[in-house]
């Protein structure tokens, strides 16, 4: 691993440090400064020449600030004659902008993918993209990881004989079905319709959930509107306990507190792809680390080994 150089932006340095500890390599310093006219400047403060450079930066709030910072990091690495530049995106916020579902709107997921490539990225390592088509937005190789193994490992500690995995919508049903197979449980799904960023309706739950304990699985939880709407339906069907699980725990505003106060909710489980301030964390929140998975994928990329074999 002597020819590897790992840098982190300011979005989630704790995760970057944990990844480097798993790899057994130092986290190289990077300086981000701001000019008087509010423009950013990035300096990578370690040698990059002909090295395998990894830039770790999830796109989390403030998303635009961290995006520009990442683009400048890529440009700095390219200007420093890096042998290869891999962008490590634990969370790709613009993945939700993946289709034209209204007139005259932008498709941000594709545009930002083009920006990363134009800046000089040679490949991307991502975790749980919002939809499969986002993978195809990139014109460079993408290694797409998921956190189902980490989540399944947590829930296998419980008695799951009367448990069902529930997807909030049909779009996430395939991932929920794979998760249910790992746990050996049946699967169900909500019939969801979204009207705006914070207004959704779930007309029905498809599958047998009555009298069962449920694990609700989604790729991310932001405002929590979908989860609250789904739990209202689940309680009408007289389910037992409720546990919520996701990869990206964004929990904007007071979402975490609102979810924790819902009747029947025993636990909220997410991973550390997104930093969660200590002040937001409640007693029902459990954060799992994806640093070992990301570190192993980075090691395999560096050594030219198969990343897909991780999920074999």
Protein backbone atom coordinates (compact mmCIF):
# COMPACT_ATOMS: atom_id res chain seq x y z
CA UNK A 1 0.00 0.00 0.00
CA UNK A 2 3.06 2.31 -0.11
CA UNK A 3 1.94 4.00 -3.36
CA UNK A 4 -1.50 4.96 -2.03
CA UNK A 5 -2.39 8.49 -0.89
CA UNK A 6 -5.70 9.09 0.90
CA UNK A 7 -7.12 12.57 1.44
CA UNK A 8 -10.36 13.75 3.04
CA UNK A 9 -12.45 16.82 2.49
CA UNK A 10 -14.18 18.57 5.37
CA UNK A 11 -17.49 16.68 4.99
CA UNK A 12 -16.69 13.61 7.12
CA UNK A 13 -13.04 13.42 8.30
CA UNK A 14 -13.96 10.96 11.06
CA UNK A 15 -15.00 8.32 8.53
CA UNK A 16 -11.87 8.98 6.46
CA UNK A 17 -9.68 8.49 9.54
CA UNK A 18 -11.45 5.22 10.35
CA UNK A 19 -10.96 3.98 6.78
CA UNK A 20 -7.24 4.81 6.92
CA UNK A 21 -6.93 2.98 10.24
CA UNK A 22 -8.46 -0.10 8.58
CA UNK A 23 -6.03 0.20 5.65
CA UNK A 24 -3.03 0.86 7.85
CA UNK A 25 -2.09 4.02 5.96
CA UNK A 26 -1.94 7.65 7.11
CA UNK A 27 -4.67 10.13 6.23
CA UNK A 28 -2.78 12.78 4.26
CA UNK A 29 -3.43 16.43 5.15
CA UNK A 30 -5.45 18.74 2.92
CA UNK A 31 -5.91 22.46 3.44
CA UNK A 32 -9.15 24.21 2.49
CA UNK A 33 -9.05 28.00 2.56
CA UNK A 34 -11.43 30.76 1.54
CA UNK A 35 -10.56 33.96 -0.27
CA UNK A 36 -12.07 37.34 0.57
CA UNK A 37 -14.47 36.93 -2.38
CA UNK A 38 -15.81 33.68 -0.83
CA UNK A 39 -14.05 31.38 -3.35
CA UNK A 40 -12.53 28.17 -2.06
CA UNK A 41 -8.99 26.93 -2.58
CA UNK A 42 -7.74 23.41 -1.86
CA UNK A 43 -4.16 22.29 -1.37
CA UNK A 44 -3.25 18.59 -1.00
CA UNK A 45 -0.31 18.69 1.38
CA UNK A 46 1.38 15.41 0.44
CA UNK A 47 3.05 13.99 -2.64
CA UNK A 48 0.62 12.69 -5.29
CA UNK A 49 2.95 12.17 -8.25
CA UNK A 50 2.20 8.83 -9.94
CA UNK A 51 0.38 7.66 -6.82
CA UNK A 52 -3.01 5.99 -6.44
CA UNK A 53 -4.98 8.87 -4.91
CA UNK A 54 -8.27 8.36 -3.05
CA UNK A 55 -10.41 11.38 -2.18
CA UNK A 56 -13.06 10.71 0.49
CA UNK A 57 -15.97 13.16 0.51
CA UNK A 58 -19.67 12.36 1.01
CA UNK A 59 -21.99 14.99 -0.43
CA UNK A 60 -23.75 16.03 2.77
CA UNK A 61 -25.09 19.44 3.89
CA UNK A 62 -23.96 21.97 2.92
CA UNK A 63 -23.97 19.85 -0.25
CA UNK A 64 -22.93 22.55 -2.73
CA UNK A 65 -20.01 23.62 -0.54
CA UNK A 66 -18.73 20.07 -0.23
CA UNK A 67 -19.26 19.40 -3.94
CA UNK A 68 -17.10 22.35 -4.99
CA UNK A 69 -14.50 21.34 -2.41
CA UNK A 70 -14.42 17.83 -3.93
CA UNK A 71 -14.08 19.19 -7.47
CA UNK A 72 -11.14 21.34 -6.35
CA UNK A 73 -9.53 18.33 -4.63
CA UNK A 74 -9.80 16.33 -7.86
CA UNK A 75 -8.32 19.20 -9.85
CA UNK A 76 -5.46 19.56 -7.36
CA UNK A 77 -4.67 15.84 -7.58
CA UNK A 78 -4.73 15.94 -11.38
CA UNK A 79 -2.45 18.99 -11.40
CA UNK A 80 -0.08 17.15 -9.05
CA UNK A 81 0.34 14.32 -11.61
CA UNK A 82 -1.58 11.68 -9.65
CA UNK A 83 -1.35 8.27 -11.30
CA UNK A 84 -5.04 7.55 -10.72
CA UNK A 85 -7.77 9.48 -8.89
CA UNK A 86 -10.60 7.58 -7.20
CA UNK A 87 -13.47 9.56 -5.68
CA UNK A 88 -14.92 7.80 -2.64
CA UNK A 89 -18.56 8.91 -2.32
CA UNK A 90 -20.09 7.31 0.79
CA UNK A 91 -23.21 9.39 0.06
CA UNK A 92 -24.10 10.87 -3.35
CA UNK A 93 -26.83 13.39 -2.55
CA UNK A 94 -27.62 14.21 -6.18
CA UNK A 95 -28.52 10.58 -6.87
CA UNK A 96 -32.13 11.47 -6.02
CA UNK A 97 -32.23 13.74 -9.08
CA UNK A 98 -32.20 10.80 -11.49
CA UNK A 99 -35.07 11.36 -13.92
CA UNK A 100 -37.16 14.00 -15.66
CA UNK A 101 -40.50 13.62 -13.92
CA UNK A 102 -41.71 17.19 -14.60
CA UNK A 103 -41.27 19.66 -17.46
CA UNK A 104 -38.08 21.73 -17.70
CA UNK A 105 -36.27 20.33 -14.68
CA UNK A 106 -32.60 19.45 -14.38
CA UNK A 107 -31.23 15.95 -13.84
CA UNK A 108 -28.64 16.78 -11.22
CA UNK A 109 -27.40 13.22 -10.76
CA UNK A 110 -26.08 13.08 -14.31
CA UNK A 111 -24.75 16.65 -14.34
CA UNK A 112 -22.72 16.22 -11.14
CA UNK A 113 -21.37 12.89 -12.44
CA UNK A 114 -20.16 14.74 -15.55
CA UNK A 115 -18.56 17.43 -13.37
CA UNK A 116 -16.60 14.86 -11.35
CA UNK A 117 -15.34 13.23 -14.54
CA UNK A 118 -14.48 16.55 -16.18
CA UNK A 119 -12.53 17.58 -13.06
CA UNK A 120 -10.32 14.52 -13.51
CA UNK A 121 -11.79 11.57 -11.58
CA UNK A 122 -10.73 8.21 -13.06
CA UNK A 123 -13.16 6.07 -11.07
CA UNK A 124 -15.80 6.32 -8.35
CA UNK A 125 -16.48 4.21 -5.27
CA UNK A 126 -20.06 4.75 -4.07
CA UNK A 127 -22.30 3.35 -1.35
CA UNK A 128 -26.03 2.61 -1.90
CA UNK A 129 -26.97 4.90 -4.76
CA UNK A 130 -30.62 5.98 -4.72
CA UNK A 131 -31.51 4.10 -7.93
CA UNK A 132 -29.74 1.68 -10.30
CA UNK A 133 -29.72 4.09 -13.26
CA UNK A 134 -27.45 6.55 -11.40
CA UNK A 135 -24.60 4.07 -11.91
CA UNK A 136 -24.92 4.67 -15.65
CA UNK A 137 -24.62 8.46 -15.30
CA UNK A 138 -20.85 8.12 -14.85
CA UNK A 139 -18.59 7.74 -17.87
CA UNK A 140 -15.82 6.28 -15.65
CA UNK A 141 -15.84 2.93 -13.79
CA UNK A 142 -18.07 2.86 -10.70
CA UNK A 143 -17.78 0.36 -7.85
CA UNK A 144 -21.16 0.33 -6.14
CA UNK A 145 -21.24 -1.04 -2.59
CA UNK A 146 -24.22 -1.61 -0.31
CA UNK A 147 -24.54 -1.85 3.46
CA UNK A 148 -27.01 -4.74 3.63
CA UNK A 149 -24.45 -7.08 5.22
CA UNK A 150 -23.69 -4.61 8.00
CA UNK A 151 -27.39 -4.00 8.66
CA UNK A 152 -28.22 -7.72 8.50
CA UNK A 153 -25.42 -8.54 10.93
CA UNK A 154 -26.99 -6.18 13.45
CA UNK A 155 -30.53 -7.56 13.17
CA UNK A 156 -29.49 -11.22 13.22
CA UNK A 157 -28.89 -10.82 16.95
CA UNK A 158 -32.66 -10.73 17.47
CA UNK A 159 -35.32 -13.45 17.32
CA UNK A 160 -36.70 -12.99 13.79
CA UNK A 161 -39.16 -15.89 13.70
CA UNK A 162 -42.14 -13.51 13.57
CA UNK A 163 -40.50 -10.67 11.63
CA UNK A 164 -41.12 -9.22 8.17
CA UNK A 165 -38.97 -6.74 6.23
CA UNK A 166 -41.01 -3.86 4.81
CA UNK A 167 -39.96 -1.57 1.96
CA UNK A 168 -41.59 1.90 2.01
CA UNK A 169 -42.15 1.75 -1.76
CA UNK A 170 -41.95 -0.62 -4.71
CA UNK A 171 -38.80 1.07 -6.02
CA UNK A 172 -36.86 -0.17 -3.00
CA UNK A 173 -38.53 -3.59 -2.96
CA UNK A 174 -35.66 -5.40 -4.71
CA UNK A 175 -33.17 -4.23 -2.09
CA UNK A 176 -35.63 -5.11 0.69
CA UNK A 177 -36.10 -8.59 -0.79
CA UNK A 178 -32.32 -9.16 -0.81
CA UNK A 179 -32.17 -7.97 2.81
CA UNK A 180 -35.04 -10.29 3.77
CA UNK A 181 -33.20 -13.26 2.20
CA UNK A 182 -30.17 -12.46 4.36
CA UNK A 183 -32.38 -12.50 7.46
CA UNK A 184 -34.56 -15.43 6.38
CA UNK A 185 -37.77 -13.43 6.68
CA UNK A 186 -40.68 -12.59 4.32
CA UNK A 187 -40.92 -9.18 2.67
CA UNK A 188 -43.67 -6.61 2.13
CA UNK A 189 -43.84 -3.20 0.46
CA UNK A 190 -45.82 0.02 0.65
CA UNK A 191 -47.61 1.52 -2.36
CA UNK A 192 -46.23 5.07 -2.18
CA UNK A 193 -46.95 8.20 -4.16
CA UNK A 194 -44.78 11.31 -3.68
CA UNK A 195 -46.28 14.78 -4.26
CA UNK A 196 -43.38 16.92 -3.00
CA UNK A 197 -40.16 16.65 -1.03
CA UNK A 198 -42.07 16.32 2.25
CA UNK A 199 -45.52 15.12 1.18
CA UNK A 200 -46.11 11.44 0.45
CA UNK A 201 -49.09 9.12 0.67
CA UNK A 202 -49.08 5.35 1.11
CA UNK A 203 -52.34 3.84 -0.03
CA UNK A 204 -51.68 0.23 0.99
CA UNK A 205 -49.13 -2.24 2.28
CA UNK A 206 -48.63 -5.21 -0.03
CA UNK A 207 -47.83 -8.36 1.91
CA UNK A 208 -48.73 -10.04 5.21
CA UNK A 209 -47.66 -7.86 8.13
CA UNK A 210 -50.57 -8.20 10.58
CA UNK A 211 -49.40 -9.29 14.02
CA UNK A 212 -45.74 -9.38 12.97
CA UNK A 213 -42.68 -7.44 14.10
CA UNK A 214 -41.41 -5.31 11.23
CA UNK A 215 -38.07 -3.97 10.05
CA UNK A 216 -38.61 -1.04 7.68
CA UNK A 217 -35.70 -0.71 5.25
CA UNK A 218 -34.96 2.32 3.05
CA UNK A 219 -31.83 3.64 1.36
CA UNK A 220 -31.96 6.94 3.25
CA UNK A 221 -34.06 8.83 5.78
CA UNK A 222 -34.12 12.61 5.44
CA UNK A 223 -37.23 14.34 6.81
CA UNK A 224 -38.83 11.06 7.87
CA UNK A 225 -42.18 11.83 6.16
CA UNK A 226 -42.28 8.50 4.32
CA UNK A 227 -41.46 6.51 7.45
CA UNK A 228 -44.13 8.25 9.53
CA UNK A 229 -46.78 7.77 6.82
CA UNK A 230 -45.86 4.08 6.51
CA UNK A 231 -45.91 3.51 10.26
CA UNK A 232 -49.44 4.92 10.46
CA UNK A 233 -50.55 2.19 8.03
CA UNK A 234 -48.58 -0.50 9.84
CA UNK A 235 -50.20 0.36 13.17
CA UNK A 236 -53.64 0.17 11.52
CA UNK A 237 -52.69 -3.38 10.52
CA UNK A 238 -51.79 -4.08 14.17
CA UNK A 239 -48.12 -4.95 13.70
CA UNK A 240 -45.94 -5.67 16.70
CA UNK A 241 -42.67 -3.85 17.25
CA UNK A 242 -41.15 -1.54 14.62
CA UNK A 243 -37.47 -1.10 13.81
CA UNK A 244 -36.26 1.38 11.19
CA UNK A 245 -33.14 0.80 9.10
CA UNK A 246 -31.35 2.75 6.39
CA UNK A 247 -27.89 3.24 4.92
CA UNK A 248 -27.83 7.05 4.88
CA UNK A 249 -29.16 8.63 8.07
CA UNK A 250 -29.55 12.26 7.00
CA UNK A 251 -32.22 13.05 9.65
CA UNK A 252 -32.74 16.68 8.63
CA UNK A 253 -34.30 19.04 11.15
CA UNK A 254 -35.99 17.20 14.03
CA UNK A 255 -36.61 14.01 12.00
CA UNK A 256 -34.70 11.77 14.40
CA UNK A 257 -36.65 12.98 17.43
CA UNK A 258 -39.99 12.68 15.58
CA UNK A 259 -39.23 9.12 14.48
CA UNK A 260 -38.09 8.08 17.94
CA UNK A 261 -41.34 9.36 19.47
CA UNK A 262 -43.53 7.23 17.16
CA UNK A 263 -45.46 4.51 19.05
CA UNK A 264 -43.93 1.05 18.72
CA UNK A 265 -40.52 2.17 17.44
CA UNK A 266 -37.83 0.26 19.31
CA UNK A 267 -34.76 1.17 17.31
CA UNK A 268 -33.43 3.34 14.45
CA UNK A 269 -30.39 1.87 12.71
CA UNK A 270 -28.20 3.58 10.11
CA UNK A 271 -24.57 3.60 8.99
CA UNK A 272 -21.91 6.29 9.27
CA UNK A 273 -21.87 7.27 5.58
CA UNK A 274 -23.28 10.59 6.84
CA UNK A 275 -21.98 12.38 9.96
CA UNK A 276 -24.59 12.68 12.71
CA UNK A 277 -23.86 15.35 15.35
CA UNK A 278 -23.75 14.12 18.93
CA UNK A 279 -26.50 16.57 19.87
CA UNK A 280 -28.94 14.88 17.48
CA UNK A 281 -28.33 11.33 18.62
CA UNK A 282 -30.97 9.78 20.83
CA UNK A 283 -31.13 6.57 22.87
CA UNK A 284 -32.90 4.66 20.07
CA UNK A 285 -30.26 5.43 17.41
CA UNK A 286 -27.65 2.82 16.49
CA UNK A 287 -24.91 3.79 14.01
CA UNK A 288 -23.00 1.01 12.23
CA UNK A 289 -19.64 1.56 10.57
CA UNK A 290 -19.07 0.99 6.85
CA UNK A 291 -15.39 1.90 7.14
CA UNK A 292 -14.24 -1.76 6.93
CA UNK A 293 -16.24 -2.31 3.72
CA UNK A 294 -14.99 0.90 2.10
CA UNK A 295 -11.41 0.19 3.17
CA UNK A 296 -11.50 -3.33 1.72
CA UNK A 297 -12.94 -2.02 -1.56
CA UNK A 298 -10.19 0.61 -1.74
CA UNK A 299 -7.55 -2.03 -1.08
CA UNK A 300 -8.96 -4.20 -3.86
CA UNK A 301 -9.11 -1.27 -6.28
CA UNK A 302 -5.49 -0.41 -5.48
CA UNK A 303 -4.34 -4.01 -5.96
CA UNK A 304 -6.41 -4.64 -9.09
CA UNK A 305 -8.64 -7.24 -7.40
CA UNK A 306 -12.36 -7.85 -7.82
CA UNK A 307 -14.65 -5.59 -5.79
CA UNK A 308 -17.80 -7.48 -6.76
CA UNK A 309 -16.32 -10.57 -5.05
CA UNK A 310 -17.04 -8.80 -1.75
CA UNK A 311 -20.71 -9.63 -2.30
CA UNK A 312 -20.25 -13.16 -3.60
